[in-house]
Every structure is written in C-alpha cells, then in structure tokens.
Amino acid sequence: MTDLQFGVSLLPTRDLGTTRRLAVVAEEAGLEYIGVQDHPYAARYLDAFVVMGDLLARTERIQVFPDVANLPLRPPAVLARTAGALSSVSGGRFQLGLGAGGYWDAIESMGAPRRTPPEALRALEEAIAIMRGLWRADASVDHDGEFYRVGGVVGQEPGPGGVAIWVGSQGPRSLALTGQLADGWAAPIPSYLPYERWAQSNELLDRAARGAGRDPADIRRIAQLVGVIDPAAATPGPLAQSGSDPVRADVGGWVELLTRLATEQPFTTFVLWPQRADERQIRLFAEEVAPRVRERAGRFAPDIST
C-alpha cells in the first residue's frame, strides 16, 4: 500500500475510437489505472461496463474500474457476476468502484426506486455482502434483506487477486461504512467533497476501520482531481487547499499538490479527471508528474495503524 499509483478517469463517450486510443496511451505511458465513469441514464454515453470490457481486451497491463458504478441501477448479484467475469477474462485487471447512488431523478426515470440517504447506505451494505459471497466458488448465497433477495445462487471465483471494492463515499455515515467494510475509498471529486474535507474524511475512515478491528492502512485511498496540466500556467499557492475549483497548474504545481496529499494524508493512488481528455494531458500526468511525485514522496506513507 506504500507504492504510489496513478490513473486517469475517462468518459464513455460515443466516440469509442478516441476512448480506445486514450486507454492505449495511458497504458503505454505507464499509468496503473483507467477509471470509466458510469452514467447509464445519459444517452450521450455508452454503457460503462461494455466500454470497460472493450478497453480490457485492447490492453495488457493496466487495470480498469468503474468510477463509480451506480448501484441502484445495477443489482448486486448481477453486478458481482459482471465484475467477476471482467476480472477473469482480463487476468485480474478489474476492480469495482461503487457508489450508493446519486442523481436520483435520473435513476428513478430508469425504473429504480428512489432511496433516502440512510436507505441507500443500508442497500450498499447489503450489496457488498452479497457480492463478496458470490465471489467465492465454494459459496451458495442466500440473502433475504431489506432491499435485495438472493436465493441459493452459487458463487464464481473472479480472476487472480479477486475484485476490490472501492466506495465513493462522502458523508460521515458512508465514510464510516467504507472504513468498516470497503477495500478502498475513491474520494469524490472536489465538487462533491471540497478539498478542506479530505483530511477529516480520512480521519473518519481511520476511526471506523479501527472500530471494526481493521488496519486503516489496508484501505486504499484514491484522490481524484479535476483539472488541466498547463505548462504555461503559473503555480498557484496554496494549491487546492480548499474549495472545489478545477486545478490549473504546470507540472510543478501538480507535483507539489500530489506530493502533499501523499505525505500529509494517506493517499496512495491519484486519478486525473482531465478537463481536456487528450493524449498530451495523459502523457504529462504519466511521464512528468507521476515520476516526480514518486521521487519526492519516495515510498513514504503516513503510519495510520496506531
């Protein structure tokens, strides 16, 4: 967990050729992850899971995850099967970013029930239990819960290393659930969770993990940042300390920001949400920002296990 890793988040636009090209560039440039945003209700986007399968088939090393999957529109038993199959066919290169739900008007328009925040969290907890049960080949899952019912479904083992669940949580209760159960925290972009709340959110995760008898260091922390790497931009300061504005800085500014997040907070993974999704942005992030952050931060990770 002390090795710093880097990725890029892409939209599954109908221009599949461009998405494919950017995914190949991300792998060639040395990134570890591609996130694909999941908006099933938006006609301007293709289905995220179909796109992820296509990208996994066209790459060899890079890992892919939904950023994040819309649980209310994807029943957990079927989602477990889909995630396990993507992991199997890719040799273990699929991880599951998961969200309890947002954009409820759009979700409801597709036939799913509207849930209150407490209901959405209880449904998420049920879903995690169901999915993990269905990723065990020796298991037969029976679940009769408040939101989901599964009757005697036999499990399937996913690819090597299994499937990690990274929850995109932002409120105190959802952060507590993430600390108790999840393999990782996919920190929502700052327009949902402003920068000044990131440190407190990590502390809530730590406390919840310890309360559940877990080592907080076992929870991957994924910082997701919207912005543009602009070689002509002046480095602002202090950079991204508060608010939700996109980051616009040169390579040095991005290195400063990510190094601070890697050394002052327990973030070990950084995902760029580029305002301009093009090859140059991906290469700048992978070939200039990432190596310098690794060099400056080394393999340091804050000791959050005590």
C-alpha atoms as a PDB file:
ATOM      1  CA  MET A   1       0.000   0.000   0.000  1.00  0.00           C
ATOM      2  CA  THR A   2       3.007   2.339   0.196  1.00  0.00           C
ATOM      3  CA  ASP A   3       3.639   2.279  -3.574  1.00  0.00           C
ATOM      4  CA  LEU A   4       2.168   5.343  -5.237  1.00  0.00           C
ATOM      5  CA  GLN A   5      -0.022   4.622  -8.249  1.00  0.00           C
ATOM      6  CA  PHE A   6      -1.596   6.838 -10.889  1.00  0.00           C
ATOM      7  CA  GLY A   7      -4.537   6.711 -13.266  1.00  0.00           C
ATOM      8  CA  VAL A   8      -6.898   8.660 -15.476  1.00  0.00           C
ATOM      9  CA  SER A   9     -10.700   8.811 -15.500  1.00  0.00           C
ATOM     10  CA  LEU A  10     -12.439   8.744 -18.884  1.00  0.00           C
ATOM     11  CA  LEU A  11     -15.997   9.331 -20.005  1.00  0.00           C
ATOM     12  CA  PRO A  12     -17.551   6.507 -22.069  1.00  0.00           C
ATOM     13  CA  THR A  13     -18.496   8.829 -24.909  1.00  0.00           C
ATOM     14  CA  ARG A  14     -19.986   7.570 -28.157  1.00  0.00           C
ATOM     15  CA  ASP A  15     -16.628   8.356 -29.770  1.00  0.00           C
ATOM     16  CA  LEU A  16     -15.311   4.911 -28.860  1.00  0.00           C
ATOM     17  CA  GLY A  17     -12.299   5.236 -31.129  1.00  0.00           C
ATOM     18  CA  THR A  18     -10.963   8.157 -29.101  1.00  0.00           C
ATOM     19  CA  THR A  19     -11.590   6.357 -25.804  1.00  0.00           C
ATOM     20  CA  ARG A  20      -9.718   3.314 -27.092  1.00  0.00           C
ATOM     21  CA  ARG A  21      -6.789   5.440 -28.216  1.00  0.00           C
ATOM     22  CA  LEU A  22      -6.573   7.252 -24.873  1.00  0.00           C
ATOM     23  CA  ALA A  23      -6.647   3.937 -22.996  1.00  0.00           C
ATOM     24  CA  VAL A  24      -3.736   2.604 -25.033  1.00  0.00           C
ATOM     25  CA  VAL A  25      -1.812   5.843 -24.468  1.00  0.00           C
ATOM     26  CA  ALA A  26      -2.454   5.567 -20.707  1.00  0.00           C
ATOM     27  CA  GLU A  27      -1.006   2.059 -20.664  1.00  0.00           C
ATOM     28  CA  GLU A  28       1.963   2.930 -22.875  1.00  0.00           C
ATOM     29  CA  ALA A  29       2.755   5.972 -20.729  1.00  0.00           C
ATOM     30  CA  GLY A  30       2.898   3.853 -17.577  1.00  0.00           C
ATOM     31  CA  LEU A  31      -0.325   4.607 -15.710  1.00  0.00           C
ATOM     32  CA  GLU A  32      -1.724   1.874 -13.479  1.00  0.00           C
ATOM     33  CA  TYR A  33      -5.467   2.612 -13.727  1.00  0.00           C
ATOM     34  CA  ILE A  34      -8.223   3.706 -16.059  1.00  0.00           C
ATOM     35  CA  GLY A  35     -11.478   4.782 -14.419  1.00  0.00           C
ATOM     36  CA  VAL A  36     -14.634   4.852 -16.552  1.00  0.00           C
ATOM     37  CA  GLN A  37     -17.496   6.987 -15.330  1.00  0.00           C
ATOM     38  CA  ASP A  38     -20.889   5.270 -15.057  1.00  0.00           C
ATOM     39  CA  HIS A  39     -23.951   7.228 -16.194  1.00  0.00           C
ATOM     40  CA  PRO A  40     -26.455   4.665 -17.566  1.00  0.00           C
ATOM     41  CA  TYR A  41     -29.221   7.274 -17.790  1.00  0.00           C
ATOM     42  CA  ALA A  42     -27.283   9.596 -20.135  1.00  0.00           C
ATOM     43  CA  ALA A  43     -27.873   8.903 -23.847  1.00  0.00           C
ATOM     44  CA  ARG A  44     -24.647  10.699 -24.793  1.00  0.00           C
ATOM     45  CA  TYR A  45     -22.621   7.939 -23.116  1.00  0.00           C
ATOM     46  CA  LEU A  46     -22.181   4.267 -23.903  1.00  0.00           C
ATOM     47  CA  ASP A  47     -22.679   1.660 -21.197  1.00  0.00           C
ATOM     48  CA  ALA A  48     -19.631   1.871 -18.936  1.00  0.00           C
ATOM     49  CA  PHE A  49     -19.273  -1.887 -18.452  1.00  0.00           C
ATOM     50  CA  VAL A  50     -19.335  -2.593 -22.184  1.00  0.00           C
ATOM     51  CA  VAL A  51     -16.671   0.072 -22.692  1.00  0.00           C
ATOM     52  CA  MET A  52     -14.542  -1.320 -19.849  1.00  0.00           C
ATOM     53  CA  GLY A  53     -14.690  -4.799 -21.362  1.00  0.00           C
ATOM     54  CA  ASP A  54     -13.580  -3.369 -24.691  1.00  0.00           C
ATOM     55  CA  LEU A  55     -10.674  -1.489 -23.085  1.00  0.00           C
ATOM     56  CA  LEU A  56      -9.550  -4.550 -21.129  1.00  0.00           C
ATOM     57  CA  ALA A  57      -9.479  -6.518 -24.376  1.00  0.00           C
ATOM     58  CA  ARG A  58      -7.269  -3.871 -26.020  1.00  0.00           C
ATOM     59  CA  THR A  59      -4.751  -3.524 -23.180  1.00  0.00           C
ATOM     60  CA  GLU A  60      -2.429  -5.935 -21.399  1.00  0.00           C
ATOM     61  CA  ARG A  61      -1.277  -4.448 -18.105  1.00  0.00           C
ATOM     62  CA  ILE A  62      -3.370  -1.506 -16.961  1.00  0.00           C
ATOM     63  CA  GLN A  63      -6.248  -2.040 -14.516  1.00  0.00           C
ATOM     64  CA  VAL A  64      -9.769  -0.737 -15.140  1.00  0.00           C
ATOM     65  CA  PHE A  65     -12.544   0.247 -12.731  1.00  0.00           C
ATOM     66  CA  PRO A  66     -15.945   1.989 -12.879  1.00  0.00           C
ATOM     67  CA  ASP A  67     -15.617   5.446 -11.387  1.00  0.00           C
ATOM     68  CA  VAL A  68     -18.062   4.679  -9.744  1.00  0.00           C
ATOM     69  CA  ALA A  69     -20.720   2.065 -10.565  1.00  0.00           C
ATOM     70  CA  ASN A  70     -24.295   3.171  -9.959  1.00  0.00           C
ATOM     71  CA  LEU A  71     -25.560   0.532  -7.519  1.00  0.00           C
ATOM     72  CA  PRO A  72     -29.304   1.397  -7.686  1.00  0.00           C
ATOM     73  CA  LEU A  73     -29.275   0.646 -11.427  1.00  0.00           C
ATOM     74  CA  ARG A  74     -27.097  -2.474 -11.178  1.00  0.00           C
ATOM     75  CA  PRO A  75     -28.479  -5.243  -8.902  1.00  0.00           C
ATOM     76  CA  PRO A  76     -25.634  -6.620  -6.767  1.00  0.00           C
ATOM     77  CA  ALA A  77     -25.948 -10.278  -7.784  1.00  0.00           C
ATOM     78  CA  VAL A  78     -25.705  -9.364 -11.479  1.00  0.00           C
ATOM     79  CA  LEU A  79     -23.014  -6.780 -10.744  1.00  0.00           C
ATOM     80  CA  ALA A  80     -20.994  -9.452  -8.935  1.00  0.00           C
ATOM     81  CA  ARG A  81     -21.233 -11.747 -11.946  1.00  0.00           C
ATOM     82  CA  THR A  82     -20.223  -8.962 -14.337  1.00  0.00           C
ATOM     83  CA  ALA A  83     -17.302  -7.811 -12.190  1.00  0.00           C
ATOM     84  CA  GLY A  84     -16.095 -11.360 -11.625  1.00  0.00           C
ATOM     85  CA  ALA A  85     -16.254 -12.136 -15.339  1.00  0.00           C
ATOM     86  CA  LEU A  86     -14.347  -8.959 -16.279  1.00  0.00           C
ATOM     87  CA  SER A  87     -11.721  -9.871 -13.700  1.00  0.00           C
ATOM     88  CA  SER A  88     -11.455 -13.432 -15.036  1.00  0.00           C
ATOM     89  CA  VAL A  89     -11.170 -12.575 -18.726  1.00  0.00           C
ATOM     90  CA  SER A  90      -8.588  -9.833 -18.036  1.00  0.00           C
ATOM     91  CA  GLY A  91      -6.357 -11.847 -15.731  1.00  0.00           C
ATOM     92  CA  GLY A  92      -7.362  -9.922 -12.609  1.00  0.00           C
ATOM     93  CA  ARG A  93      -7.225  -6.377 -14.032  1.00  0.00           C
ATOM     94  CA  PHE A  94     -10.703  -5.265 -12.981  1.00  0.00           C
ATOM     95  CA  GLN A  95     -11.604  -3.547  -9.694  1.00  0.00           C
ATOM     96  CA  LEU A  96     -15.029  -2.295  -8.623  1.00  0.00           C
ATOM     97  CA  GLY A  97     -15.589   1.356  -7.809  1.00  0.00           C
ATOM     98  CA  LEU A  98     -19.038   1.523  -6.243  1.00  0.00           C
ATOM     99  CA  GLY A  99     -21.475   4.273  -5.307  1.00  0.00           C
ATOM    100  CA  ALA A 100     -24.666   4.129  -3.253  1.00  0.00           C
ATOM    101  CA  GLY A 101     -26.463   6.407  -5.711  1.00  0.00           C
ATOM    102  CA  GLY A 102     -26.785   9.980  -6.872  1.00  0.00           C
ATOM    103  CA  TYR A 103     -28.830  11.893  -9.447  1.00  0.00           C
ATOM    104  CA  TRP A 104     -31.972  10.292  -8.058  1.00  0.00           C
ATOM    105  CA  ASP A 105     -34.294  11.896 -10.603  1.00  0.00           C
ATOM    106  CA  ALA A 106     -32.318  10.215 -13.388  1.00  0.00           C
ATOM    107  CA  ILE A 107     -32.118   6.919 -11.515  1.00  0.00           C
ATOM    108  CA  GLU A 108     -35.861   6.934 -10.878  1.00  0.00           C
ATOM    109  CA  SER A 109     -36.524   7.730 -14.539  1.00  0.00           C
ATOM    110  CA  MET A 110     -34.978   4.360 -15.432  1.00  0.00           C
ATOM    111  CA  GLY A 111     -37.295   2.436 -13.148  1.00  0.00           C
ATOM    112  CA  ALA A 112     -35.238   2.133  -9.975  1.00  0.00           C
ATOM    113  CA  PRO A 113     -36.742   3.203  -6.652  1.00  0.00           C
ATOM    114  CA  ARG A 114     -35.694   6.467  -5.062  1.00  0.00           C
ATOM    115  CA  ARG A 115     -33.888   5.918  -1.773  1.00  0.00           C
ATOM    116  CA  THR A 116     -33.180   8.218   1.128  1.00  0.00           C
ATOM    117  CA  PRO A 117     -29.520   8.551   2.133  1.00  0.00           C
ATOM    118  CA  PRO A 118     -29.914   6.101   5.068  1.00  0.00           C
ATOM    119  CA  GLU A 119     -31.711   3.628   2.803  1.00  0.00           C
ATOM    120  CA  ALA A 120     -29.017   3.932   0.144  1.00  0.00           C
ATOM    121  CA  LEU A 121     -26.332   3.131   2.723  1.00  0.00           C
ATOM    122  CA  ARG A 122     -28.188   0.106   4.057  1.00  0.00           C
ATOM    123  CA  ALA A 123     -28.628  -1.113   0.486  1.00  0.00           C
ATOM    124  CA  LEU A 124     -24.898  -0.614  -0.134  1.00  0.00           C
ATOM    125  CA  GLU A 125     -24.024  -2.678   2.941  1.00  0.00           C
ATOM    126  CA  GLU A 126     -26.302  -5.492   1.758  1.00  0.00           C
ATOM    127  CA  ALA A 127     -24.850  -5.325  -1.740  1.00  0.00           C
ATOM    128  CA  ILE A 128     -21.252  -5.638  -0.536  1.00  0.00           C
ATOM    129  CA  ALA A 129     -22.119  -8.752   1.466  1.00  0.00           C
ATOM    130  CA  ILE A 130     -23.924 -10.332  -1.496  1.00  0.00           C
ATOM    131  CA  MET A 131     -21.139  -9.595  -3.970  1.00  0.00           C
ATOM    132  CA  ARG A 132     -18.352 -10.866  -1.757  1.00  0.00           C
ATOM    133  CA  GLY A 133     -20.319 -14.048  -1.154  1.00  0.00           C
ATOM    134  CA  LEU A 134     -20.773 -14.547  -4.891  1.00  0.00           C
ATOM    135  CA  TRP A 135     -17.021 -14.196  -5.494  1.00  0.00           C
ATOM    136  CA  ARG A 136     -16.411 -17.404  -3.543  1.00  0.00           C
ATOM    137  CA  ALA A 137     -16.541 -20.528  -5.657  1.00  0.00           C
ATOM    138  CA  ASP A 138     -17.349 -22.649  -2.599  1.00  0.00           C
ATOM    139  CA  ALA A 139     -20.317 -20.488  -1.564  1.00  0.00           C
ATOM    140  CA  SER A 140     -24.046 -20.608  -2.125  1.00  0.00           C
ATOM    141  CA  VAL A 141     -25.568 -17.243  -1.298  1.00  0.00           C
ATOM    142  CA  ASP A 142     -28.935 -16.863   0.379  1.00  0.00           C
ATOM    143  CA  HIS A 143     -29.900 -13.337   1.327  1.00  0.00           C
ATOM    144  CA  ASP A 144     -33.294 -12.025   2.369  1.00  0.00           C
ATOM    145  CA  GLY A 145     -32.695  -8.384   3.189  1.00  0.00           C
ATOM    146  CA  GLU A 146     -34.466  -5.071   3.272  1.00  0.00           C
ATOM    147  CA  PHE A 147     -33.543  -4.249  -0.335  1.00  0.00           C
ATOM    148  CA  TYR A 148     -32.184  -7.384  -2.008  1.00  0.00           C
ATOM    149  CA  ARG A 149     -33.140 -11.048  -2.133  1.00  0.00           C
ATOM    150  CA  VAL A 150     -30.865 -13.768  -3.444  1.00  0.00           C
ATOM    151  CA  GLY A 151     -31.851 -17.410  -3.210  1.00  0.00           C
ATOM    152  CA  GLY A 152     -29.240 -20.156  -3.339  1.00  0.00           C
ATOM    153  CA  VAL A 153     -27.020 -18.616  -6.030  1.00  0.00           C
ATOM    154  CA  VAL A 154     -23.695 -20.440  -6.413  1.00  0.00           C
ATOM    155  CA  GLY A 155     -20.556 -18.302  -6.359  1.00  0.00           C
ATOM    156  CA  GLN A 156     -17.878 -17.898  -9.012  1.00  0.00           C
ATOM    157  CA  GLU A 157     -14.246 -17.125  -8.302  1.00  0.00           C
ATOM    158  CA  PRO A 158     -13.004 -13.989 -10.132  1.00  0.00           C
ATOM    159  CA  GLY A 159      -9.568 -13.523 -11.646  1.00  0.00           C
ATOM    160  CA  PRO A 160      -6.227 -13.515  -9.787  1.00  0.00           C
ATOM    161  CA  GLY A 161      -6.275 -11.371  -6.669  1.00  0.00           C
ATOM    162  CA  GLY A 162     -10.053 -11.096  -6.622  1.00  0.00           C
ATOM    163  CA  VAL A 163     -12.075  -7.899  -7.045  1.00  0.00           C
ATOM    164  CA  ALA A 164     -11.517  -4.961  -4.698  1.00  0.00           C
ATOM    165  CA  ILE A 165     -14.462  -2.741  -3.752  1.00  0.00           C
ATOM    166  CA  TRP A 166     -13.629   0.971  -3.678  1.00  0.00           C
ATOM    167  CA  VAL A 167     -16.535   3.027  -2.347  1.00  0.00           C
ATOM    168  CA  GLY A 168     -17.133   6.604  -3.480  1.00  0.00           C
ATOM    169  CA  SER A 169     -18.384   7.933  -0.127  1.00  0.00           C
ATOM    170  CA  GLN A 170     -18.578  11.497   1.165  1.00  0.00           C
ATOM    171  CA  GLY A 171     -20.887  11.815   4.208  1.00  0.00           C
ATOM    172  CA  PRO A 172     -19.942  10.748   7.759  1.00  0.00           C
ATOM    173  CA  ARG A 173     -22.144   7.641   7.720  1.00  0.00           C
ATOM    174  CA  SER A 174     -20.984   6.499   4.299  1.00  0.00           C
ATOM    175  CA  LEU A 175     -17.348   7.136   5.247  1.00  0.00           C
ATOM    176  CA  ALA A 176     -17.848   5.054   8.388  1.00  0.00           C
ATOM    177  CA  LEU A 177     -19.279   2.213   6.308  1.00  0.00           C
ATOM    178  CA  THR A 178     -16.323   2.477   3.941  1.00  0.00           C
ATOM    179  CA  GLY A 179     -13.894   2.241   6.852  1.00  0.00           C
ATOM    180  CA  GLN A 180     -15.718  -0.776   8.236  1.00  0.00           C
ATOM    181  CA  LEU A 181     -16.170  -2.771   5.028  1.00  0.00           C
ATOM    182  CA  ALA A 182     -14.523  -1.466   1.855  1.00  0.00           C
ATOM    183  CA  ASP A 183     -11.143  -2.225   0.309  1.00  0.00           C
ATOM    184  CA  GLY A 184     -10.682   1.375  -0.719  1.00  0.00           C
ATOM    185  CA  TRP A 185     -12.052   4.899  -0.699  1.00  0.00           C
ATOM    186  CA  ALA A 186     -12.488   6.569  -4.088  1.00  0.00           C
ATOM    187  CA  ALA A 187     -12.608  10.132  -2.795  1.00  0.00           C
ATOM    188  CA  PRO A 188     -15.315  12.012  -4.742  1.00  0.00           C
ATOM    189  CA  ILE A 189     -14.110  14.849  -6.924  1.00  0.00           C
ATOM    190  CA  PRO A 190     -13.942  18.203  -5.078  1.00  0.00           C
ATOM    191  CA  SER A 191     -17.240  19.490  -6.474  1.00  0.00           C
ATOM    192  CA  TYR A 192     -18.848  16.820  -4.267  1.00  0.00           C
ATOM    193  CA  LEU A 193     -16.281  16.759  -1.452  1.00  0.00           C
ATOM    194  CA  PRO A 194     -14.261  20.011  -1.191  1.00  0.00           C
ATOM    195  CA  TYR A 195     -10.549  19.726  -0.539  1.00  0.00           C
ATOM    196  CA  GLU A 196     -10.774  21.025   3.024  1.00  0.00           C
ATOM    197  CA  ARG A 197     -12.876  17.980   3.968  1.00  0.00           C
ATOM    198  CA  TRP A 198     -10.447  15.375   2.662  1.00  0.00           C
ATOM    199  CA  ALA A 199      -8.247  15.196   5.771  1.00  0.00           C
ATOM    200  CA  GLN A 200     -11.240  14.950   8.112  1.00  0.00           C
ATOM    201  CA  SER A 201     -12.763  12.281   5.875  1.00  0.00           C
ATOM    202  CA  ASN A 202      -9.571  10.230   6.077  1.00  0.00           C
ATOM    203  CA  GLU A 203      -9.650  10.539   9.857  1.00  0.00           C
ATOM    204  CA  LEU A 204     -13.267   9.298   9.924  1.00  0.00           C
ATOM    205  CA  LEU A 205     -12.230   6.329   7.798  1.00  0.00           C
ATOM    206  CA  ASP A 206      -9.351   5.565  10.152  1.00  0.00           C
ATOM    207  CA  ARG A 207     -11.562   5.608  13.254  1.00  0.00           C
ATOM    208  CA  ALA A 208     -14.217   3.431  11.624  1.00  0.00           C
ATOM    209  CA  ALA A 209     -11.599   0.940  10.469  1.00  0.00           C
ATOM    210  CA  ARG A 210     -10.051   0.657  13.936  1.00  0.00           C
ATOM    211  CA  GLY A 211     -13.501   0.308  15.476  1.00  0.00           C
ATOM    212  CA  ALA A 212     -14.128  -2.640  13.152  1.00  0.00           C
ATOM    213  CA  GLY A 213     -10.807  -4.228  14.097  1.00  0.00           C
ATOM    214  CA  ARG A 214      -9.174  -3.335  10.787  1.00  0.00           C
ATOM    215  CA  ASP A 215      -5.817  -1.772   9.986  1.00  0.00           C
ATOM    216  CA  PRO A 216      -6.611   1.601   8.349  1.00  0.00           C
ATOM    217  CA  ALA A 217      -3.556   1.169   6.127  1.00  0.00           C
ATOM    218  CA  ASP A 218      -5.341  -1.714   4.402  1.00  0.00           C
ATOM    219  CA  ILE A 219      -7.872   0.729   2.912  1.00  0.00           C
ATOM    220  CA  ARG A 220      -6.610   2.165  -0.356  1.00  0.00           C
ATOM    221  CA  ARG A 221      -7.078   5.961  -0.528  1.00  0.00           C
ATOM    222  CA  ILE A 222      -7.725   7.243  -4.048  1.00  0.00           C
ATOM    223  CA  ALA A 223      -7.551  11.000  -4.621  1.00  0.00           C
ATOM    224  CA  GLN A 224      -9.449  12.141  -7.704  1.00  0.00           C
ATOM    225  CA  LEU A 225      -8.661  15.573  -9.063  1.00  0.00           C
ATOM    226  CA  VAL A 226     -10.311  17.515 -11.852  1.00  0.00           C
ATOM    227  CA  GLY A 227      -8.162  19.903 -13.809  1.00  0.00           C
ATOM    228  CA  VAL A 228      -5.656  20.562 -16.534  1.00  0.00           C
ATOM    229  CA  ILE A 229      -1.878  20.336 -16.668  1.00  0.00           C
ATOM    230  CA  ASP A 230      -0.879  23.573 -18.365  1.00  0.00           C
ATOM    231  CA  PRO A 231       2.868  24.088 -18.845  1.00  0.00           C
ATOM    232  CA  ALA A 232       2.228  27.816 -19.292  1.00  0.00           C
ATOM    233  CA  ALA A 233       0.260  28.219 -16.062  1.00  0.00           C
ATOM    234  CA  ALA A 234       1.786  29.839 -13.023  1.00  0.00           C
ATOM    235  CA  THR A 235       1.860  27.599  -9.972  1.00  0.00           C
ATOM    236  CA  PRO A 236      -0.838  28.916  -7.610  1.00  0.00           C
ATOM    237  CA  GLY A 237      -0.366  28.722  -3.907  1.00  0.00           C
ATOM    238  CA  PRO A 238      -1.534  27.333  -1.688  1.00  0.00           C
ATOM    239  CA  LEU A 239      -2.721  24.863  -4.307  1.00  0.00           C
ATOM    240  CA  ALA A 240      -6.067  23.080  -3.810  1.00  0.00           C
ATOM    241  CA  GLN A 241      -6.222  23.654  -0.059  1.00  0.00           C
ATOM    242  CA  SER A 242      -9.951  24.391  -0.115  1.00  0.00           C
ATOM    243  CA  GLY A 243     -12.921  24.768  -2.411  1.00  0.00           C
ATOM    244  CA  SER A 244     -13.791  22.777  -5.480  1.00  0.00           C
ATOM    245  CA  ASP A 245     -12.342  24.651  -8.438  1.00  0.00           C
ATOM    246  CA  PRO A 246     -10.505  22.553 -11.037  1.00  0.00           C
ATOM    247  CA  VAL A 247      -6.744  22.528 -10.654  1.00  0.00           C
ATOM    248  CA  ARG A 248      -4.974  24.519 -13.344  1.00  0.00           C
ATOM    249  CA  ALA A 249      -1.240  24.388 -12.861  1.00  0.00           C
ATOM    250  CA  ASP A 250       2.021  23.497 -14.527  1.00  0.00           C
ATOM    251  CA  VAL A 251       3.779  20.195 -13.916  1.00  0.00           C
ATOM    252  CA  GLY A 252       5.498  21.606 -10.834  1.00  0.00           C
ATOM    253  CA  GLY A 253       2.181  22.668  -9.328  1.00  0.00           C
ATOM    254  CA  TRP A 254       0.683  19.224  -9.825  1.00  0.00           C
ATOM    255  CA  VAL A 255       3.768  17.595  -8.334  1.00  0.00           C
ATOM    256  CA  GLU A 256       3.502  19.877  -5.287  1.00  0.00           C
ATOM    257  CA  LEU A 257      -0.171  19.053  -4.791  1.00  0.00           C
ATOM    258  CA  LEU A 258       0.112  15.279  -5.155  1.00  0.00           C
ATOM    259  CA  THR A 259       3.260  15.097  -3.039  1.00  0.00           C
ATOM    260  CA  ARG A 260       1.430  16.926  -0.265  1.00  0.00           C
ATOM    261  CA  LEU A 261      -1.517  14.541  -0.480  1.00  0.00           C
ATOM    262  CA  ALA A 262       0.848  11.559  -0.416  1.00  0.00           C
ATOM    263  CA  THR A 263       2.818  12.741   2.614  1.00  0.00           C
ATOM    264  CA  GLU A 264       0.320  14.698   4.709  1.00  0.00           C
ATOM    265  CA  GLN A 265      -2.612  12.336   4.110  1.00  0.00           C
ATOM    266  CA  PRO A 266      -2.759   8.583   3.453  1.00  0.00           C
ATOM    267  CA  PHE A 267      -3.466   8.842  -0.278  1.00  0.00           C
ATOM    268  CA  THR A 268      -1.546   6.290  -2.336  1.00  0.00           C
ATOM    269  CA  THR A 269      -3.422   6.493  -5.642  1.00  0.00           C
ATOM    270  CA  PHE A 270      -4.088   9.571  -7.774  1.00  0.00           C
ATOM    271  CA  VAL A 271      -6.601   9.695 -10.614  1.00  0.00           C
ATOM    272  CA  LEU A 272      -6.682  12.648 -13.004  1.00  0.00           C
ATOM    273  CA  TRP A 273     -10.075  13.752 -14.311  1.00  0.00           C
ATOM    274  CA  PRO A 274      -8.763  15.827 -17.228  1.00  0.00           C
ATOM    275  CA  GLN A 275     -10.811  18.793 -18.352  1.00  0.00           C
ATOM    276  CA  ARG A 276      -9.199  18.173 -21.721  1.00  0.00           C
ATOM    277  CA  ALA A 277      -9.099  14.425 -22.268  1.00  0.00           C
ATOM    278  CA  ASP A 278      -6.314  14.168 -24.815  1.00  0.00           C
ATOM    279  CA  GLU A 279      -3.072  12.283 -25.281  1.00  0.00           C
ATOM    280  CA  ARG A 280      -0.904  15.197 -24.145  1.00  0.00           C
ATOM    281  CA  GLN A 281      -2.668  15.507 -20.780  1.00  0.00           C
ATOM    282  CA  ILE A 282      -2.313  11.791 -20.130  1.00  0.00           C
ATOM    283  CA  ARG A 283       1.365  11.767 -21.083  1.00  0.00           C
ATOM    284  CA  LEU A 284       2.162  14.816 -18.973  1.00  0.00           C
ATOM    285  CA  PHE A 285       0.490  13.191 -15.976  1.00  0.00           C
ATOM    286  CA  ALA A 286       2.119   9.786 -16.504  1.00  0.00           C
ATOM    287  CA  GLU A 287       5.569  10.770 -17.735  1.00  0.00           C
ATOM    288  CA  GLU A 288       6.286  14.040 -15.938  1.00  0.00           C
ATOM    289  CA  VAL A 289       4.024  14.384 -12.894  1.00  0.00           C
ATOM    290  CA  ALA A 290       3.971  10.791 -11.628  1.00  0.00           C
ATOM    291  CA  PRO A 291       7.757  10.121 -11.632  1.00  0.00           C
ATOM    292  CA  ARG A 292       8.498  13.376  -9.822  1.00  0.00           C
ATOM    293  CA  VAL A 293       5.843  12.691  -7.181  1.00  0.00           C
ATOM    294  CA  ARG A 294       7.319   9.230  -6.612  1.00  0.00           C
ATOM    295  CA  GLU A 295      10.782  10.732  -6.356  1.00  0.00           C
ATOM    296  CA  ARG A 296       9.744  13.416  -3.872  1.00  0.00           C
ATOM    297  CA  ALA A 297       7.435  11.290  -1.773  1.00  0.00           C
ATOM    298  CA  GLY A 298       9.525   8.147  -2.073  1.00  0.00           C
ATOM    299  CA  ARG A 299       7.729   5.204  -0.584  1.00  0.00           C
ATOM    300  CA  PHE A 300       6.599   7.183   2.427  1.00  0.00           C
ATOM    301  CA  ALA A 301       3.079   6.576   3.725  1.00  0.00           C
ATOM    302  CA  PRO A 302       1.768   8.008   6.993  1.00  0.00           C
ATOM    303  CA  ASP A 303       1.561   5.467   9.820  1.00  0.00           C
ATOM    304  CA  ILE A 304      -2.189   5.327  10.435  1.00  0.00           C
ATOM    305  CA  SER A 305      -2.252   1.895  12.059  1.00  0.00           C
ATOM    306  CA  THR A 306      -1.950   3.106  15.653  1.00  0.00           C
END
